Amino acid sequence: MTTSSHHLSVRSRVANAAGGAARFASRALGRGSGGMIGGEVALRISPRFLAELAAPFSSVIVTGTNGKSTTTRMVRAALESAGPVASNINGDNMTSGVITALMRGKDASRAALEVDEMHVPTVAADVKPDVFVYLNLSRDQLDRVGEIGSVEKRLREGSSAHPDAVVVANCDDPLIVSAAADNPRVVWVAAGAGWGGDSAAYPRGGRVVRNGEDWHLIPAFADEELPALKSRPQPHWWLTDVDLAPRRPASNFARTGRSERPPQPVASRSSESRQRGAGSRCCGRNGYRPRGGRAGRQSCYRGRGPLFGSRREWSERPFDAREKSRGLAGSDDHD
């Protein structure tokens, strides 16, 4: 089976051609890889384009907070043993990125798709996947997705709407267990408990209590009714003798026998000026910029914009007479 355009409506064929042209133009003009724009253009022309395009594919949807791209690449490598595979391995994991990945897979009949957590129900409704892979959930991009409970509900919606699909779910994460529990075809996997601070409260009721690799639920208040699945499911597949915990680099003392503070990032005056444009001035020490001072002290802030991020840290430090000779003391030249 191939993804030739014979199964597409006339409108979707036009969308396919326009999306391909947009993707080519984006790459030719150096504006990007075209991983999103092609799908965006095609979807604007034909709202049903993804459903028609995905119809010939047997698809796997991979989602979760961490490890989506790596897992998608591994799934793709496994599926390639049976033939070509369409996949968005560059991380274009929203609806338009999924469309572009399927547009590229002209000779493929299988697809390994990385999907953003909040887009799982929408993408799954059109793709109709054979398999979901649910990795883990933790707080991330709160400005876009909100609290972790809303993400769990989106994953639950995605799998519940497709009871015939297999859900490969991480039983070490209570949030993933809650998202997959309603599906009748769950394959529980375990790789060792990692970060669990975001799953202290179970979305379906109760409080999570951990005991080594296992966990179970207890009532959060008197007479609270617990869900039917109230403890960590027994995994069908698991890893043993593998430590997946992050490792810290060896200390300087271990390497040299001397204990030294790690070097701190320092913005020189020239680099600060280049980042902030002509006319900007800094104190020339640790990237601090003058804010005006008095009585031999100088109130400064560290502008953490292009160099340091977005946050500004306020502090005071002793007045430096050498800076006065450069005409920087008491300056009000700031952002």
Protein backbone atom coordinates (compact mmCIF):
# COMPACT_ATOMS: atom_id res chain seq x y z
CA MET A 1 0.00 0.00 0.00
CA THR A 2 1.26 3.45 -0.84
CA THR A 3 0.13 6.97 -0.09
CA SER A 4 -0.51 8.00 -3.67
CA SER A 5 -3.15 10.68 -4.10
CA HIS A 6 -5.74 8.33 -5.65
CA HIS A 7 -7.63 8.13 -2.35
CA LEU A 8 -7.75 11.92 -1.92
CA SER A 9 -10.65 14.13 -2.89
CA VAL A 10 -10.11 16.84 -5.49
CA ARG A 11 -9.88 19.47 -2.78
CA SER A 12 -7.33 17.44 -0.85
CA ARG A 13 -5.27 16.90 -3.99
CA VAL A 14 -5.07 20.66 -4.41
CA ALA A 15 -4.14 20.95 -0.74
CA ASN A 16 -1.43 18.32 -1.19
CA ALA A 17 0.10 20.20 -4.11
CA ALA A 18 -0.07 23.55 -2.31
CA GLY A 19 1.44 22.11 0.85
CA GLY A 20 4.29 20.55 -1.11
CA ALA A 21 4.97 23.85 -2.84
CA ALA A 22 4.98 25.73 0.48
CA ARG A 23 7.39 23.21 1.98
CA PHE A 24 9.71 23.49 -1.03
CA ALA A 25 9.61 27.31 -0.93
CA SER A 26 10.40 27.37 2.79
CA ARG A 27 13.49 25.25 2.27
CA ALA A 28 14.59 27.01 -0.90
CA LEU A 29 14.39 30.43 0.76
CA GLY A 30 16.19 29.24 3.87
CA ARG A 31 13.23 29.97 6.12
CA GLY A 32 13.18 26.51 7.71
CA SER A 33 12.85 22.80 7.05
CA GLY A 34 9.24 23.13 5.92
CA GLY A 35 8.13 20.66 8.56
CA MET A 36 5.19 22.80 9.67
CA ILE A 37 4.29 25.21 6.87
CA GLY A 38 3.44 22.50 4.34
CA GLY A 39 0.89 20.90 6.61
CA GLU A 40 -0.49 24.27 7.72
CA VAL A 41 -1.17 25.37 4.15
CA ALA A 42 -2.73 22.03 3.20
CA LEU A 43 -4.99 22.03 6.26
CA ARG A 44 -6.24 25.54 5.50
CA ILE A 45 -7.30 24.45 2.03
CA SER A 46 -8.83 21.10 3.03
CA PRO A 47 -9.91 20.66 6.68
CA ARG A 48 -10.37 16.91 6.10
CA PHE A 49 -6.93 16.54 4.56
CA LEU A 50 -5.31 14.72 7.49
CA ALA A 51 -8.11 12.14 7.71
CA GLU A 52 -7.91 11.39 3.99
CA LEU A 53 -4.12 11.40 3.91
CA ALA A 54 -3.77 9.06 6.92
CA ALA A 55 -6.35 6.51 5.76
CA PRO A 56 -3.87 4.07 4.12
CA PHE A 57 -1.42 4.12 7.04
CA SER A 58 -1.00 1.83 10.01
CA SER A 59 0.10 4.38 12.61
CA VAL A 60 1.76 4.59 16.01
CA ILE A 61 1.31 7.77 18.08
CA VAL A 62 4.05 8.52 20.62
CA THR A 63 3.41 11.17 23.26
CA GLY A 64 4.48 12.30 26.73
CA THR A 65 6.46 15.07 28.36
CA ASN A 66 9.92 13.56 27.93
CA GLY A 67 11.45 11.18 25.42
CA LYS A 68 8.99 11.57 22.54
CA SER A 69 11.58 12.16 19.83
CA THR A 70 13.93 9.41 20.98
CA THR A 71 11.12 6.87 21.30
CA THR A 72 9.68 7.84 17.91
CA ARG A 73 13.05 7.25 16.30
CA MET A 74 13.30 3.82 17.92
CA VAL A 75 9.78 2.90 16.81
CA ARG A 76 10.59 4.05 13.30
CA ALA A 77 13.79 1.98 13.24
CA ALA A 78 11.85 -1.11 14.36
CA LEU A 79 9.11 -0.62 11.76
CA GLU A 80 11.61 -0.02 8.95
CA SER A 81 12.49 -3.71 9.08
CA ALA A 82 9.14 -4.27 7.34
CA GLY A 83 9.39 -1.42 4.83
CA PRO A 84 9.41 2.38 4.48
CA VAL A 85 8.00 4.41 7.39
CA ALA A 86 6.65 7.96 7.46
CA SER A 87 7.77 9.85 10.55
CA ASN A 88 8.23 13.37 11.91
CA ILE A 89 11.61 12.68 13.48
CA ASN A 90 12.54 16.38 13.51
CA GLY A 91 10.09 17.13 16.31
CA ASP A 92 7.31 18.79 14.28
CA ASN A 93 4.73 17.22 16.58
CA MET A 94 1.60 19.33 16.17
CA THR A 95 -1.15 18.65 13.66
CA SER A 96 0.51 20.45 10.76
CA GLY A 97 3.81 18.64 11.44
CA VAL A 98 2.04 15.27 11.37
CA ILE A 99 0.45 16.19 8.02
CA THR A 100 3.83 17.11 6.56
CA ALA A 101 5.34 13.83 7.75
CA LEU A 102 2.61 11.82 6.03
CA MET A 103 2.95 13.92 2.86
CA ARG A 104 6.63 13.00 2.73
CA GLY A 105 5.98 9.28 3.20
CA LYS A 106 4.94 8.64 -0.39
CA ASP A 107 6.02 5.00 -0.47
CA ALA A 108 5.23 4.13 3.15
CA SER A 109 2.34 2.17 4.57
CA ARG A 110 3.33 2.65 8.23
CA ALA A 111 3.82 5.79 10.28
CA ALA A 112 5.62 6.52 13.56
CA LEU A 113 4.28 9.87 14.71
CA GLU A 114 5.45 12.04 17.57
CA VAL A 115 2.44 14.04 18.78
CA ASP A 116 2.26 16.89 21.27
CA GLU A 117 0.24 15.91 24.35
CA MET A 118 -2.46 18.53 23.83
CA HIS A 119 -2.93 17.51 20.19
CA VAL A 120 -3.40 13.78 20.79
CA PRO A 121 -7.25 13.69 20.62
CA THR A 122 -7.35 15.86 17.49
CA VAL A 123 -4.65 13.95 15.62
CA ALA A 124 -5.94 10.55 16.73
CA ALA A 125 -9.47 11.37 15.53
CA ASP A 126 -8.14 11.68 11.97
CA VAL A 127 -5.21 9.27 12.00
CA LYS A 128 -7.06 6.45 13.83
CA PRO A 129 -3.85 4.93 15.18
CA ASP A 130 -3.31 1.24 15.81
CA VAL A 131 -1.03 1.94 18.79
CA PHE A 132 -0.60 4.71 21.36
CA VAL A 133 2.66 4.99 23.31
CA TYR A 134 2.25 6.97 26.55
CA LEU A 135 5.59 7.79 28.16
CA ASN A 136 5.28 10.11 31.17
CA LEU A 137 3.76 13.37 32.31
CA SER A 138 5.22 16.25 34.30
CA ARG A 139 4.72 20.00 34.48
CA ASP A 140 6.03 21.64 31.33
CA GLN A 141 5.10 24.76 29.30
CA LEU A 142 2.45 25.80 31.83
CA ASP A 143 1.73 28.98 29.88
CA ARG A 144 0.56 26.87 26.93
CA VAL A 145 -0.92 23.67 28.32
CA GLY A 146 -1.94 24.64 31.84
CA GLU A 147 -1.79 22.31 34.81
CA ILE A 148 -0.80 18.66 34.52
CA GLY A 149 -4.36 17.47 35.16
CA SER A 150 -5.57 19.01 31.91
CA VAL A 151 -2.84 17.16 29.99
CA GLU A 152 -3.84 13.84 31.57
CA LYS A 153 -7.45 14.44 30.48
CA ARG A 154 -6.35 15.04 26.90
CA LEU A 155 -4.44 11.75 26.81
CA ARG A 156 -7.40 9.97 28.39
CA GLU A 157 -9.70 11.40 25.70
CA GLY A 158 -7.35 10.25 22.97
CA SER A 159 -7.11 6.62 24.04
CA SER A 160 -10.73 6.27 25.21
CA ALA A 161 -12.02 7.28 21.78
CA HIS A 162 -10.12 4.37 20.18
CA PRO A 163 -10.88 1.22 22.21
CA ASP A 164 -9.52 -1.04 19.46
CA ALA A 165 -6.06 0.54 19.64
CA VAL A 166 -3.29 -0.92 21.78
CA VAL A 167 -1.98 1.47 24.45
CA VAL A 168 1.61 0.92 25.53
CA ALA A 169 1.75 2.79 28.84
CA ASN A 170 4.31 3.46 31.53
CA CYS A 171 2.95 1.91 34.74
CA ASP A 172 5.55 3.70 36.88
CA ASP A 173 3.78 7.04 36.29
CA PRO A 174 0.38 7.27 38.04
CA LEU A 175 -0.73 10.02 35.66
CA ILE A 176 -0.11 7.79 32.65
CA VAL A 177 -1.91 4.92 34.39
CA SER A 178 -4.91 7.18 34.90
CA ALA A 179 -4.84 8.25 31.24
CA ALA A 180 -4.70 4.67 29.93
CA ALA A 181 -6.84 2.83 32.50
CA ASP A 182 -10.10 2.98 30.50
CA ASN A 183 -8.65 1.29 27.44
CA PRO A 184 -9.29 -2.47 27.25
CA ARG A 185 -6.02 -3.20 25.41
CA VAL A 186 -3.22 -1.84 27.57
CA VAL A 187 0.33 -3.15 27.58
CA TRP A 188 1.99 -1.97 30.79
CA VAL A 189 5.73 -1.34 30.66
CA ALA A 190 8.20 -0.30 33.35
CA ALA A 191 11.64 1.24 33.20
CA GLY A 192 12.09 2.28 36.81
CA ALA A 193 10.45 5.13 38.68
CA GLY A 194 11.85 8.55 37.85
CA TRP A 195 10.44 11.94 38.70
CA GLY A 196 7.15 11.53 40.57
CA GLY A 197 6.64 14.91 42.19
CA ASP A 198 3.82 15.86 39.80
CA SER A 199 1.75 12.76 40.53
CA ALA A 200 1.24 13.10 44.27
CA ALA A 201 -2.51 13.46 43.65
CA TYR A 202 -4.25 10.89 41.45
CA PRO A 203 -6.58 12.48 38.85
CA ARG A 204 -9.35 9.94 39.53
CA GLY A 205 -9.21 10.40 43.29
CA GLY A 206 -6.87 9.56 46.15
CA ARG A 207 -3.31 10.33 47.02
CA VAL A 208 -0.28 8.45 45.70
CA VAL A 209 2.01 6.75 48.20
CA ARG A 210 5.27 5.34 46.85
CA ASN A 211 7.18 2.37 48.22
CA GLY A 212 10.29 1.79 46.18
CA GLU A 213 9.24 1.00 42.61
CA ASP A 214 5.63 0.34 43.62
CA TRP A 215 2.89 2.83 44.40
CA HIS A 216 -0.66 2.66 45.66
CA LEU A 217 -3.51 5.02 46.48
CA ILE A 218 -4.90 6.08 49.83
CA PRO A 219 -7.89 8.37 50.45
CA ALA A 220 -7.00 12.04 50.45
CA PHE A 221 -9.82 12.71 52.93
CA ALA A 222 -12.21 10.69 55.04
CA ASP A 223 -14.68 8.48 53.17
CA GLU A 224 -13.16 9.26 49.77
CA GLU A 225 -13.97 6.55 47.23
CA LEU A 226 -10.94 5.23 45.37
CA PRO A 227 -10.99 4.11 41.71
CA ALA A 228 -10.99 0.45 40.75
CA LEU A 229 -7.32 0.58 39.77
CA LYS A 230 -5.77 1.70 43.04
CA SER A 231 -2.17 0.47 42.75
CA ARG A 232 0.64 0.16 40.25
CA PRO A 233 -0.31 -2.38 37.55
CA GLN A 234 1.96 -5.35 37.06
CA PRO A 235 4.08 -4.65 33.97
CA HIS A 236 3.97 -6.94 30.98
CA TRP A 237 7.45 -5.78 29.96
CA TRP A 238 10.15 -4.19 32.08
CA LEU A 239 13.83 -3.28 32.21
CA THR A 240 16.12 -4.72 34.86
CA ASP A 241 19.66 -3.86 35.93
CA VAL A 242 19.50 -0.56 34.08
CA ASP A 243 19.99 2.71 35.95
CA LEU A 244 18.12 5.45 34.09
CA ALA A 245 18.68 8.12 36.75
CA PRO A 246 20.56 11.19 35.50
CA ARG A 247 24.19 11.28 36.52
CA ARG A 248 26.00 14.37 37.71
CA PRO A 249 29.43 15.10 36.26
CA ALA A 250 32.36 14.24 38.46
CA SER A 251 33.39 17.07 40.75
CA ASN A 252 36.60 18.98 40.21
CA PHE A 253 37.85 17.60 43.53
CA ALA A 254 37.53 14.05 42.22
CA ARG A 255 39.55 14.92 39.12
CA THR A 256 42.27 17.14 40.55
CA GLY A 257 42.11 16.74 44.32
CA ARG A 258 41.25 20.44 44.66
CA SER A 259 37.88 21.94 45.38
CA GLU A 260 37.14 24.90 43.13
CA ARG A 261 33.99 26.82 42.35
CA PRO A 262 32.78 26.28 38.79
CA PRO A 263 33.38 29.25 36.51
CA GLN A 264 30.47 31.68 36.34
CA PRO A 265 29.31 33.20 33.04
CA VAL A 266 30.68 36.72 32.69
CA ALA A 267 29.54 39.16 30.04
CA SER A 268 32.32 41.48 28.96
CA ARG A 269 31.56 45.07 28.12
CA SER A 270 32.13 44.46 24.42
CA SER A 271 29.87 41.43 24.22
CA GLU A 272 27.16 43.16 26.24
CA SER A 273 27.32 46.16 23.95
CA ARG A 274 27.08 44.00 20.88
CA GLN A 275 24.01 42.24 22.26
CA ARG A 276 22.21 45.43 23.29
CA GLY A 277 23.23 47.60 20.35
CA ALA A 278 25.20 50.77 19.93
CA GLY A 279 24.90 53.24 22.79
CA SER A 280 24.32 50.55 25.44
CA ARG A 281 26.78 50.50 28.28
CA CYS A 282 27.45 48.15 31.14
CA CYS A 283 29.58 48.25 34.23
CA GLY A 284 32.08 45.92 32.65
CA ARG A 285 31.88 43.46 35.52
CA ASN A 286 29.64 40.38 35.49
CA GLY A 287 27.30 42.04 33.06
CA TYR A 288 25.92 44.55 35.61
CA ARG A 289 24.55 47.81 34.29
CA PRO A 290 24.29 51.05 36.32
CA ARG A 291 20.94 52.19 37.58
CA GLY A 292 22.05 55.30 39.44
CA GLY A 293 23.68 55.39 42.87
CA ARG A 294 24.39 57.36 45.97
CA ALA A 295 26.78 57.59 48.91
CA GLY A 296 29.47 55.46 47.36
CA ARG A 297 27.11 52.62 46.39
CA GLN A 298 25.64 51.77 43.06
CA SER A 299 22.29 50.10 42.47
CA CYS A 300 22.57 47.85 39.43
CA TYR A 301 20.68 45.15 37.66
CA ARG A 302 21.82 42.30 35.55
CA GLY A 303 19.91 42.49 32.29
CA ARG A 304 19.18 38.89 31.37
CA GLY A 305 17.78 39.47 27.93
CA PRO A 306 19.65 38.18 24.85
CA LEU A 307 22.60 37.03 26.96
CA PHE A 308 21.09 35.63 30.11
CA GLY A 309 17.39 34.93 29.49
CA SER A 310 14.39 37.05 30.42
CA ARG A 311 14.62 37.51 34.19
CA ARG A 312 16.25 40.56 35.78
CA GLU A 313 18.10 40.23 39.05
CA TRP A 314 18.49 43.27 41.29
CA SER A 315 21.42 43.78 43.63
CA GLU A 316 23.70 46.38 45.08
CA ARG A 317 27.46 46.32 45.14
CA PRO A 318 30.22 48.70 46.23
CA PHE A 319 30.96 51.70 44.08
CA ASP A 320 34.01 51.30 41.85
CA ALA A 321 36.04 54.47 41.38
CA ARG A 322 37.46 53.14 38.13
CA GLU A 323 33.99 53.10 36.65
CA LYS A 324 33.49 56.71 37.66
CA SER A 325 36.58 57.62 35.62
CA ARG A 326 34.95 55.96 32.62
CA GLY A 327 31.82 58.04 33.13
CA LEU A 328 29.65 55.08 34.06
CA ALA A 329 28.86 55.83 37.69
CA GLY A 330 25.36 57.05 38.28
CA SER A 331 24.38 56.56 34.67
CA ASP A 332 20.71 56.06 33.93
CA ASP A 333 21.33 54.40 30.59
CA HIS A 334 19.29 51.26 30.93
CA ASP A 335 16.53 49.28 29.23
